[in-house]
Amino acid sequence: MIRKLRFKLIGVSMLSIFLVFSLILGTIALISFQKVTADADSTLSILAANDGLFPKPEDEEAPPSLDAHPGGGHKMSPELPYESRFFSVLFDSDGNLISVNTARIAAVDTDEAIVFGQEVLASGSTKGYQHAYRYVVTQSAEGIRVIFLDCGRSLSNLRFFVGIGLLVFFLGLLAVWLLTIVLSRYIVRPIAQSYEKQKRFITDAGHEIKTPLTIIDADAEVLAMDLGENEWINDIQEQSRRLAALTNDLILLSRLEEDNTQMQLLDFPISDVAEEVAHSFQALAITQKKEFSVSIQPMLTLCGDEKMIRQLLMILLDNALKYAQTGGRISLTLEKAGKALNLSVFNTTEHIEKAQLPCLFDRFYRTDRSRNSQTGGHGLGLSIAAAITAAHKGKITASTEDEKSLRIQVSLPA
């Protein structure tokens, strides 16, 4: 249990850090990409307003920043024309080529520029990326002009930044994972110590309680022999037996939940064991006027503790028999599916809520909220069944289709 808690702690920590780091890196990358796009669109707007060219200063005494539009407004750096690589393609309204301007770029020739322009026109988009080029489509009296701006250097820098970020991200995750593995031992140590003390207390108290219970039961038998049949003596014997059974269940559950549970793992015919256990409940089902059906695939074997698996079957069938109403149905199914053995116990019941299903395997939990003991037991049966299943590396689940039936499904590795 403590080991599972530690693994869950490591898993939750790593997932949280992964999500936070991913969000941070993704946000930075997105903002950087938007900044590259915004800068490119700003430059393209200047080119679009000047027929695919940068405006020229009126004279050599021009100020360090130039108006992008004749009426003023958007400003640009005087170095921008020398830093930008761009080309443009002009088409008429029917899509026929009029002219191409590739004077300010060396990486694209006239033919490539024409292909780029035709692809943009065919797409119907007015703004976007074509490979590493940001483009804008404008219309004027001359025709339809497609202007491309080379963003290769900016996008390359962005990819390099994202790559370095991912490398640092995964190295950071690895470092955090190693630190979490080391530090989680110290984090769960107080919980482990408390849990060990709890289990030791249950085991020690159980053994201490057994002695007085045995004496009480023996004294009650002597009184019964001396005084004859007596209501009060019968009640003492019944309650002492119930308390002894509860003590034994608690001790068994405490031992099963230990990580180093010692089991005799041997191959045994689980089909025969299931047949024997089911047969022992047949007469009781008939007496209680409940329909009991069995479907067991023959010749199945399991590597496990036969005594524990037998107890698992008895717990599940006893639970089904207790909570099935008079005239109800009970079924036991055992079959092999791939590399697993599927054990299913089904029973009808008066009512069970789907919200109660996750709590069925909790200690002392009862579906009847009054927690009365009319059906017997102490609410530990399914907890023990879950512990036995976990000790065999299996999985146990509870489900209901109509809230008037219950199916306990156990999957064990074959």
Protein backbone atom coordinates (compact mmCIF):
# COMPACT_ATOMS: atom_id res chain seq x y z
CA MET A 1 0.00 0.00 0.00
CA ILE A 2 2.78 2.43 0.92
CA ARG A 3 4.62 1.57 -2.29
CA LYS A 4 1.49 2.31 -4.31
CA LEU A 5 1.06 5.58 -2.44
CA ARG A 6 4.64 6.51 -3.25
CA PHE A 7 4.20 5.66 -6.93
CA LYS A 8 1.01 7.73 -7.02
CA LEU A 9 2.83 10.64 -5.40
CA ILE A 10 5.60 10.44 -8.00
CA GLY A 11 3.06 10.10 -10.81
CA VAL A 12 0.96 13.06 -9.68
CA SER A 13 4.05 15.21 -9.16
CA MET A 14 5.45 14.40 -12.59
CA LEU A 15 2.09 14.95 -14.29
CA SER A 16 1.65 18.31 -12.58
CA ILE A 17 5.15 19.47 -13.51
CA PHE A 18 4.73 18.18 -17.07
CA LEU A 19 1.48 20.12 -17.50
CA VAL A 20 2.90 23.32 -15.98
CA PHE A 21 6.12 23.16 -18.01
CA SER A 22 4.17 22.36 -21.19
CA LEU A 23 1.87 25.31 -20.58
CA ILE A 24 4.81 27.67 -19.98
CA LEU A 25 6.82 26.47 -22.99
CA GLY A 26 3.75 26.39 -25.23
CA THR A 27 2.73 29.91 -24.18
CA ILE A 28 6.20 31.33 -24.81
CA ALA A 29 6.42 29.59 -28.21
CA LEU A 30 2.95 30.83 -29.19
CA ILE A 31 3.68 34.41 -28.13
CA SER A 32 7.02 34.32 -29.99
CA PHE A 33 5.34 33.00 -33.14
CA GLN A 34 2.66 35.67 -32.91
CA LYS A 35 5.39 38.30 -32.52
CA VAL A 36 7.13 37.03 -35.68
CA THR A 37 3.82 37.08 -37.53
CA ALA A 38 2.90 40.55 -36.25
CA ASP A 39 6.26 41.98 -37.31
CA ALA A 40 5.91 40.35 -40.74
CA ASP A 41 2.37 41.69 -41.16
CA SER A 42 3.57 45.16 -40.19
CA THR A 43 6.26 45.04 -42.86
CA LEU A 44 3.82 43.63 -45.43
CA SER A 45 1.35 46.41 -44.71
CA ILE A 46 4.06 48.93 -45.61
CA LEU A 47 4.85 47.05 -48.82
CA ALA A 48 1.17 46.71 -49.68
CA ALA A 49 0.63 50.44 -49.25
CA ASN A 50 3.49 51.20 -51.64
CA ASP A 51 2.79 48.74 -54.49
CA GLY A 52 5.18 46.06 -53.26
CA LEU A 53 8.09 48.36 -52.49
CA PHE A 54 9.40 50.32 -49.54
CA PRO A 55 8.84 54.09 -49.63
CA LYS A 56 11.89 56.23 -50.40
CA PRO A 57 12.87 59.31 -48.37
CA GLU A 58 12.13 62.57 -50.11
CA ASP A 59 15.69 63.75 -49.69
CA GLU A 60 18.98 62.88 -48.03
CA GLU A 61 17.99 64.91 -44.96
CA ALA A 62 15.20 62.45 -44.16
CA PRO A 63 14.51 61.82 -40.46
CA PRO A 64 15.49 58.49 -38.92
CA SER A 65 11.92 57.18 -39.19
CA LEU A 66 9.74 57.33 -42.28
CA ASP A 67 5.97 57.47 -42.76
CA ALA A 68 4.60 54.26 -44.20
CA HIS A 69 1.67 56.11 -45.73
CA PRO A 70 1.58 59.43 -47.42
CA GLY A 71 -0.74 60.74 -44.75
CA GLY A 72 1.58 59.67 -41.93
CA GLY A 73 0.65 57.23 -39.16
CA HIS A 74 2.56 53.95 -39.06
CA LYS A 75 6.30 54.46 -38.64
CA MET A 76 9.10 52.21 -39.83
CA SER A 77 12.79 51.96 -39.14
CA PRO A 78 15.05 53.35 -41.89
CA GLU A 79 17.01 50.06 -41.71
CA LEU A 80 13.92 47.95 -42.47
CA PRO A 81 14.29 48.04 -46.28
CA TYR A 82 17.87 46.75 -45.96
CA GLU A 83 16.91 43.97 -43.50
CA SER A 84 13.94 42.59 -45.43
CA ARG A 85 13.90 40.05 -48.24
CA PHE A 86 10.71 40.09 -50.27
CA PHE A 87 9.20 39.54 -53.71
CA SER A 88 5.82 40.14 -55.32
CA VAL A 89 3.70 38.77 -58.15
CA LEU A 90 1.04 40.81 -59.97
CA PHE A 91 -1.99 39.18 -61.64
CA ASP A 92 -4.96 40.63 -63.45
CA SER A 93 -8.52 40.05 -62.29
CA ASP A 94 -8.68 36.77 -64.30
CA GLY A 95 -5.55 35.39 -62.62
CA ASN A 96 -3.23 35.97 -65.58
CA LEU A 97 0.34 36.96 -64.82
CA ILE A 98 1.25 40.62 -65.36
CA SER A 99 4.62 41.03 -63.67
CA VAL A 100 7.06 39.57 -61.16
CA ASN A 101 9.48 41.42 -58.89
CA THR A 102 12.27 39.31 -57.36
CA ALA A 103 14.93 42.02 -57.22
CA ARG A 104 15.11 42.03 -53.42
CA ILE A 105 15.56 38.28 -52.87
CA ALA A 106 18.14 35.77 -54.08
CA ALA A 107 16.61 32.52 -52.82
CA VAL A 108 13.59 32.65 -55.17
CA ASP A 109 13.74 32.96 -58.95
CA THR A 110 10.98 34.17 -61.25
CA ASP A 111 9.50 30.75 -61.94
CA GLU A 112 9.32 29.86 -58.26
CA ALA A 113 7.74 33.23 -57.49
CA ILE A 114 5.05 32.62 -60.11
CA VAL A 115 4.29 29.16 -58.66
CA PHE A 116 4.04 30.63 -55.16
CA GLY A 117 1.70 33.35 -56.37
CA GLN A 118 -0.54 30.93 -58.27
CA GLU A 119 -0.78 28.62 -55.23
CA VAL A 120 -1.84 31.53 -53.03
CA LEU A 121 -4.48 32.64 -55.53
CA ALA A 122 -5.79 29.08 -55.79
CA SER A 123 -6.10 28.81 -52.01
CA GLY A 124 -8.34 31.88 -51.84
CA SER A 125 -6.60 33.12 -48.70
CA THR A 126 -5.62 36.76 -48.33
CA LYS A 127 -2.97 36.28 -45.65
CA GLY A 128 -0.89 33.40 -44.35
CA TYR A 129 2.33 31.42 -44.70
CA GLN A 130 3.67 29.76 -47.85
CA HIS A 131 6.61 27.69 -46.68
CA ALA A 132 8.84 30.18 -44.81
CA TYR A 133 7.26 33.21 -46.49
CA ARG A 134 4.53 35.34 -45.00
CA TYR A 135 2.24 36.70 -47.72
CA VAL A 136 -0.56 39.21 -48.17
CA VAL A 137 -2.91 39.63 -51.13
CA THR A 138 -3.91 43.17 -52.12
CA GLN A 139 -6.08 44.56 -54.90
CA SER A 140 -5.47 47.80 -56.71
CA ALA A 141 -6.14 49.42 -60.06
CA GLU A 142 -3.17 47.50 -61.47
CA GLY A 143 -4.59 44.10 -60.47
CA ILE A 144 -4.14 41.52 -57.74
CA ARG A 145 -0.72 41.73 -56.08
CA VAL A 146 0.66 38.91 -53.89
CA ILE A 147 3.54 40.10 -51.73
CA PHE A 148 5.84 37.60 -49.99
CA LEU A 149 8.16 38.39 -47.09
CA ASP A 150 10.99 36.03 -46.16
CA CYS A 151 10.53 35.00 -42.49
CA GLY A 152 12.95 32.08 -42.69
CA ARG A 153 15.53 33.54 -40.30
CA SER A 154 12.94 34.48 -37.68
CA LEU A 155 11.18 31.10 -37.94
CA SER A 156 14.51 29.30 -37.79
CA ASN A 157 15.41 31.18 -34.62
CA LEU A 158 12.01 30.32 -33.20
CA ARG A 159 12.46 26.62 -34.01
CA PHE A 160 15.91 26.69 -32.43
CA PHE A 161 14.47 28.32 -29.30
CA VAL A 162 11.66 25.76 -29.11
CA GLY A 163 14.14 22.91 -29.62
CA ILE A 164 16.38 24.18 -26.82
CA GLY A 165 13.31 24.69 -24.68
CA LEU A 166 12.17 21.10 -25.27
CA LEU A 167 15.64 19.78 -24.46
CA VAL A 168 15.76 21.76 -21.22
CA PHE A 169 12.16 20.72 -20.55
CA PHE A 170 12.90 16.99 -20.76
CA LEU A 171 16.19 17.30 -18.88
CA GLY A 172 14.31 19.19 -16.17
CA LEU A 173 11.64 16.49 -16.06
CA LEU A 174 14.34 13.84 -15.69
CA ALA A 175 15.99 15.77 -12.87
CA VAL A 176 12.67 16.33 -11.10
CA TRP A 177 11.81 12.63 -11.54
CA LEU A 178 15.07 11.55 -9.92
CA LEU A 179 14.64 14.06 -7.09
CA THR A 180 11.03 12.99 -6.55
CA ILE A 181 12.06 9.34 -6.32
CA VAL A 182 14.62 10.20 -3.65
CA LEU A 183 12.53 12.71 -1.70
CA SER A 184 9.29 10.69 -1.87
CA ARG A 185 10.85 8.18 0.54
CA TYR A 186 11.13 10.87 3.16
CA ILE A 187 7.66 12.24 2.38
CA VAL A 188 5.86 8.91 2.82
CA ARG A 189 8.01 7.75 5.73
CA PRO A 190 5.70 9.20 8.45
CA ILE A 191 2.68 7.68 6.68
CA ALA A 192 4.47 4.33 6.38
CA GLN A 193 5.39 4.37 10.06
CA SER A 194 1.83 5.26 11.07
CA TYR A 195 0.43 2.55 8.80
CA GLU A 196 2.83 -0.04 10.17
CA LYS A 197 1.85 0.91 13.73
CA GLN A 198 -1.81 0.57 12.78
CA LYS A 199 -1.30 -2.89 11.27
CA ARG A 200 0.79 -3.97 14.25
CA PHE A 201 -1.89 -2.73 16.61
CA ILE A 202 -4.62 -4.62 14.73
CA THR A 203 -2.58 -7.82 14.71
CA ASP A 204 -1.48 -7.56 18.35
CA ALA A 205 -4.91 -6.51 19.57
CA GLY A 206 -6.50 -9.33 17.58
CA HIS A 207 -4.28 -11.91 19.22
CA GLU A 208 -4.91 -10.39 22.66
CA ILE A 209 -8.67 -10.41 22.11
CA LYS A 210 -8.66 -14.04 21.00
CA THR A 211 -7.73 -15.34 24.46
CA PRO A 212 -10.58 -13.72 26.44
CA LEU A 213 -13.02 -14.59 23.66
CA THR A 214 -12.00 -18.22 23.86
CA ILE A 215 -12.46 -18.15 27.65
CA ILE A 216 -15.87 -16.44 27.35
CA ASP A 217 -17.04 -19.01 24.80
CA ALA A 218 -15.78 -21.91 26.95
CA ASP A 219 -17.44 -20.51 30.09
CA ALA A 220 -20.69 -20.05 28.17
CA GLU A 221 -20.59 -23.70 27.11
CA VAL A 222 -20.05 -24.79 30.73
CA LEU A 223 -22.99 -22.64 31.84
CA ALA A 224 -25.10 -24.10 29.05
CA MET A 225 -24.31 -27.61 30.29
CA ASP A 226 -25.12 -26.68 33.91
CA LEU A 227 -28.20 -24.53 33.34
CA GLY A 228 -29.50 -26.05 30.12
CA GLU A 229 -30.84 -24.11 27.13
CA ASN A 230 -30.85 -20.41 27.97
CA GLU A 231 -31.60 -17.36 25.79
CA TRP A 232 -28.91 -15.23 27.39
CA ILE A 233 -26.22 -17.88 27.17
CA ASN A 234 -27.03 -18.44 23.48
CA ASP A 235 -26.74 -14.72 22.89
CA ILE A 236 -23.32 -14.62 24.61
CA GLN A 237 -22.10 -17.50 22.47
CA GLU A 238 -23.42 -15.96 19.28
CA GLN A 239 -21.85 -12.55 19.94
CA SER A 240 -18.53 -14.06 21.01
CA ARG A 241 -18.44 -16.02 17.75
CA ARG A 242 -19.21 -12.87 15.76
CA LEU A 243 -16.48 -10.97 17.58
CA ALA A 244 -14.01 -13.81 17.01
CA ALA A 245 -14.86 -13.85 13.29
CA LEU A 246 -14.42 -10.06 13.09
CA THR A 247 -11.04 -10.32 14.82
CA ASN A 248 -9.88 -13.04 12.43
CA ASP A 249 -11.03 -10.99 9.41
CA LEU A 250 -9.17 -7.90 10.59
CA ILE A 251 -5.98 -9.87 11.17
CA LEU A 252 -6.29 -11.54 7.75
CA LEU A 253 -6.93 -8.22 6.02
CA SER A 254 -3.97 -6.62 7.77
CA ARG A 255 -1.69 -9.44 6.63
CA LEU A 256 -3.00 -9.39 3.05
CA GLU A 257 -2.29 -5.68 2.71
CA GLU A 258 1.36 -6.13 3.63
CA ASP A 259 3.70 -5.71 0.67
CA ASN A 260 5.62 -8.85 1.55
CA THR A 261 2.62 -11.15 1.92
CA GLN A 262 3.81 -14.75 1.89
CA MET A 263 1.68 -16.94 -0.36
CA GLN A 264 2.08 -20.45 -1.65
CA LEU A 265 1.93 -19.85 -5.38
CA LEU A 266 1.26 -23.22 -7.00
CA ASP A 267 -0.64 -24.35 -10.06
CA PHE A 268 -4.03 -25.75 -9.07
CA PRO A 269 -7.26 -26.59 -10.95
CA ILE A 270 -9.35 -23.48 -10.31
CA SER A 271 -12.28 -24.97 -12.27
CA ASP A 272 -12.54 -27.81 -9.75
CA VAL A 273 -12.22 -25.41 -6.81
CA ALA A 274 -14.99 -23.19 -8.22
CA GLU A 275 -17.23 -26.24 -8.74
CA GLU A 276 -16.72 -27.35 -5.14
CA VAL A 277 -17.42 -23.91 -3.67
CA ALA A 278 -20.47 -23.39 -5.89
CA HIS A 279 -21.84 -26.81 -4.94
CA SER A 280 -21.65 -25.89 -1.24
CA PHE A 281 -23.96 -22.90 -1.89
CA GLN A 282 -26.48 -24.75 -4.06
CA ALA A 283 -28.51 -26.18 -1.18
CA LEU A 284 -28.53 -22.86 0.69
CA ALA A 285 -29.83 -21.06 -2.43
CA ILE A 286 -32.64 -23.60 -2.82
CA THR A 287 -33.56 -23.23 0.85
CA GLN A 288 -33.78 -19.44 0.47
CA LYS A 289 -35.79 -19.81 -2.77
CA LYS A 290 -33.16 -18.15 -4.94
CA GLU A 291 -32.16 -19.24 -8.45
CA PHE A 292 -28.47 -20.17 -8.66
CA SER A 293 -26.79 -20.85 -12.03
CA VAL A 294 -23.18 -21.85 -12.64
CA SER A 295 -21.09 -21.61 -15.81
CA ILE A 296 -17.51 -22.80 -15.33
CA GLN A 297 -15.12 -23.49 -18.16
CA PRO A 298 -13.50 -26.85 -17.43
CA MET A 299 -9.81 -27.66 -17.12
CA LEU A 300 -8.71 -24.17 -16.10
CA THR A 301 -5.64 -23.79 -13.91
CA LEU A 302 -4.23 -20.87 -11.97
CA CYS A 303 -0.88 -20.21 -10.35
CA GLY A 304 -1.79 -18.84 -6.94
CA ASP A 305 -2.71 -19.61 -3.36
CA GLU A 306 -5.51 -22.16 -3.55
CA LYS A 307 -6.71 -21.44 -0.02
CA MET A 308 -7.02 -17.72 -0.69
CA ILE A 309 -8.77 -18.21 -4.04
CA ARG A 310 -11.21 -20.58 -2.37
CA GLN A 311 -11.90 -17.93 0.26
CA LEU A 312 -12.35 -15.32 -2.48
CA LEU A 313 -15.02 -17.48 -4.15
CA MET A 314 -16.79 -18.09 -0.85
CA ILE A 315 -16.81 -14.37 0.01
CA LEU A 316 -18.29 -13.39 -3.36
CA LEU A 317 -20.96 -16.10 -3.37
CA ASP A 318 -21.83 -15.48 0.30
CA ASN A 319 -22.19 -11.77 -0.44
CA ALA A 320 -24.39 -12.47 -3.47
CA LEU A 321 -26.58 -14.88 -1.51
CA LYS A 322 -27.03 -12.45 1.38
CA TYR A 323 -28.16 -9.50 -0.70
CA ALA A 324 -30.23 -11.31 -3.35
CA GLN A 325 -33.92 -10.97 -2.53
CA THR A 326 -36.24 -13.98 -2.27
CA GLY A 327 -36.93 -15.24 -5.77
CA GLY A 328 -33.85 -13.44 -7.06
CA ARG A 329 -31.11 -14.74 -9.33
CA ILE A 330 -27.45 -15.55 -8.60
CA SER A 331 -24.87 -16.67 -11.15
CA LEU A 332 -21.22 -17.68 -11.10
CA THR A 333 -19.16 -17.53 -14.28
CA LEU A 334 -15.54 -18.58 -14.74
CA GLU A 335 -13.85 -18.45 -18.12
CA LYS A 336 -10.52 -17.76 -19.76
CA ALA A 337 -10.18 -14.65 -21.93
CA GLY A 338 -6.77 -14.25 -23.55
CA LYS A 339 -4.12 -14.21 -20.83
CA ALA A 340 -6.60 -13.67 -18.01
CA LEU A 341 -9.10 -15.69 -16.02
CA ASN A 342 -12.38 -13.84 -15.60
CA LEU A 343 -14.47 -14.67 -12.55
CA SER A 344 -17.91 -13.03 -12.39
CA VAL A 345 -20.52 -13.25 -9.63
CA PHE A 346 -23.92 -11.72 -10.37
CA ASN A 347 -26.93 -11.26 -8.14
CA THR A 348 -30.18 -9.35 -8.25
CA THR A 349 -30.97 -7.07 -5.33
CA GLU A 350 -33.69 -4.72 -4.21
CA HIS A 351 -31.70 -1.56 -4.90
CA ILE A 352 -28.11 -0.40 -5.23
CA GLU A 353 -26.99 3.04 -6.38
CA LYS A 354 -24.18 3.48 -8.89
CA ALA A 355 -22.65 6.06 -6.57
CA GLN A 356 -22.17 3.31 -3.97
CA LEU A 357 -20.08 1.06 -6.23
CA PRO A 358 -16.66 2.70 -5.55
CA CYS A 359 -17.25 2.26 -1.78
CA LEU A 360 -18.14 -1.45 -1.85
CA PHE A 361 -14.54 -2.51 -1.25
CA ASP A 362 -14.02 -0.15 1.69
CA ARG A 363 -13.76 -1.61 5.16
CA PHE A 364 -17.03 -1.86 7.14
CA TYR A 365 -19.02 -0.35 4.28
CA ARG A 366 -22.62 -1.47 3.88
CA THR A 367 -25.04 -0.45 1.16
CA ASP A 368 -27.79 -0.18 3.79
CA ARG A 369 -27.11 3.07 5.57
CA SER A 370 -28.51 1.83 8.84
CA ARG A 371 -25.49 -0.55 8.96
CA ASN A 372 -27.60 -3.19 10.64
CA SER A 373 -26.40 -6.74 10.91
CA GLN A 374 -29.52 -8.51 9.72
CA THR A 375 -27.59 -10.06 6.87
CA GLY A 376 -24.66 -11.00 9.09
CA GLY A 377 -21.01 -10.16 8.47
CA HIS A 378 -19.17 -6.99 9.31
CA GLY A 379 -18.66 -5.26 5.96
CA LEU A 380 -15.16 -6.71 5.56
CA GLY A 381 -15.90 -9.43 3.01
CA LEU A 382 -15.39 -7.43 -0.17
CA SER A 383 -12.38 -5.68 1.38
CA ILE A 384 -10.77 -9.08 1.91
CA ALA A 385 -11.78 -10.11 -1.63
CA ALA A 386 -10.09 -7.01 -3.02
CA ALA A 387 -6.95 -7.69 -0.95
CA ILE A 388 -6.79 -11.31 -2.15
CA THR A 389 -7.20 -10.15 -5.76
CA ALA A 390 -4.47 -7.52 -5.37
CA ALA A 391 -2.14 -10.11 -3.78
CA HIS A 392 -2.57 -12.20 -6.96
CA LYS A 393 -1.83 -9.16 -9.22
CA GLY A 394 -5.44 -9.13 -10.37
CA LYS A 395 -8.20 -6.56 -10.68
CA ILE A 396 -11.66 -6.48 -9.08
CA THR A 397 -14.53 -4.22 -10.11
CA ALA A 398 -18.21 -3.76 -9.28
CA SER A 399 -20.90 -2.71 -11.75
CA THR A 400 -24.67 -2.45 -12.05
CA GLU A 401 -26.77 -2.01 -15.17
CA ASP A 402 -30.17 -1.16 -13.72
CA GLU A 403 -29.40 -0.42 -10.02
CA LYS A 404 -31.32 -3.60 -9.20
CA SER A 405 -28.45 -6.01 -9.74
CA LEU A 406 -24.77 -6.25 -8.86
CA ARG A 407 -21.90 -7.87 -10.73
CA ILE A 408 -18.49 -8.39 -9.14
CA GLN A 409 -15.86 -9.02 -11.80
CA VAL A 410 -12.44 -10.43 -10.92
CA SER A 411 -9.68 -10.67 -13.52
CA LEU A 412 -6.66 -12.80 -12.59
CA PRO A 413 -3.53 -13.35 -14.69
CA ALA A 414 -3.67 -16.88 -16.05
